[in-house]
């Protein structure tokens, strides 16, 4: 059971930064697009 928990924790530790990165990329692209259109 501990091995499964460790694998699950490792997956979450990998998955969370990727999710944050994707969300940040989307928000950055949106802000760049809006600021570019305004200028």
C-alpha atoms as a PDB file:
ATOM      1  CA  UNK A   1       0.000   0.000   0.000  1.00  0.00           C
ATOM      2  CA  UNK A   2       2.841   2.364   0.832  1.00  0.00           C
ATOM      3  CA  UNK A   3       4.361   1.849  -2.609  1.00  0.00           C
ATOM      4  CA  UNK A   4       1.038   2.786  -4.212  1.00  0.00           C
ATOM      5  CA  UNK A   5       0.748   5.869  -2.021  1.00  0.00           C
ATOM      6  CA  UNK A   6       4.299   6.876  -2.914  1.00  0.00           C
ATOM      7  CA  UNK A   7       3.555   6.475  -6.617  1.00  0.00           C
ATOM      8  CA  UNK A   8       0.367   8.522  -6.246  1.00  0.00           C
ATOM      9  CA  UNK A   9       2.247  11.261  -4.396  1.00  0.00           C
ATOM     10  CA  UNK A  10       4.956  11.283  -7.078  1.00  0.00           C
ATOM     11  CA  UNK A  11       2.303  11.563  -9.792  1.00  0.00           C
ATOM     12  CA  UNK A  12       0.612  14.478  -8.033  1.00  0.00           C
ATOM     13  CA  UNK A  13       3.964  16.204  -7.461  1.00  0.00           C
ATOM     14  CA  UNK A  14       4.619  15.940 -11.222  1.00  0.00           C
ATOM     15  CA  UNK A  15       1.059  16.802 -12.253  1.00  0.00           C
ATOM     16  CA  UNK A  16       0.595  19.935 -10.139  1.00  0.00           C
ATOM     17  CA  UNK A  17       3.514  21.971 -11.598  1.00  0.00           C
ATOM     18  CA  UNK A  18       2.477  20.974 -15.129  1.00  0.00           C
ATOM     19  CA  UNK A  19      -1.089  22.147 -14.468  1.00  0.00           C
ATOM     20  CA  UNK A  20       0.152  25.427 -12.989  1.00  0.00           C
ATOM     21  CA  UNK A  21       2.494  25.883 -15.966  1.00  0.00           C
ATOM     22  CA  UNK A  22      -0.311  25.316 -18.490  1.00  0.00           C
ATOM     23  CA  UNK A  23      -2.631  27.746 -16.675  1.00  0.00           C
ATOM     24  CA  UNK A  24       0.142  30.361 -16.510  1.00  0.00           C
ATOM     25  CA  UNK A  25       0.919  29.897 -20.218  1.00  0.00           C
ATOM     26  CA  UNK A  26      -2.763  30.437 -21.102  1.00  0.00           C
ATOM     27  CA  UNK A  27      -3.050  33.576 -18.958  1.00  0.00           C
ATOM     28  CA  UNK A  28       0.237  34.954 -20.348  1.00  0.00           C
ATOM     29  CA  UNK A  29      -0.919  34.363 -23.927  1.00  0.00           C
ATOM     30  CA  UNK A  30      -4.239  36.066 -23.171  1.00  0.00           C
ATOM     31  CA  UNK A  31      -2.617  39.112 -21.548  1.00  0.00           C
ATOM     32  CA  UNK A  32      -0.097  39.372 -24.395  1.00  0.00           C
ATOM     33  CA  UNK A  33      -2.923  39.219 -26.939  1.00  0.00           C
ATOM     34  CA  UNK A  34      -5.042  41.860 -25.205  1.00  0.00           C
ATOM     35  CA  UNK A  35      -2.125  44.227 -24.559  1.00  0.00           C
ATOM     36  CA  UNK A  36      -0.956  43.765 -28.161  1.00  0.00           C
ATOM     37  CA  UNK A  37      -4.426  44.614 -29.455  1.00  0.00           C
ATOM     38  CA  UNK A  38      -4.641  47.711 -27.227  1.00  0.00           C
ATOM     39  CA  UNK A  39      -1.281  49.006 -28.435  1.00  0.00           C
END
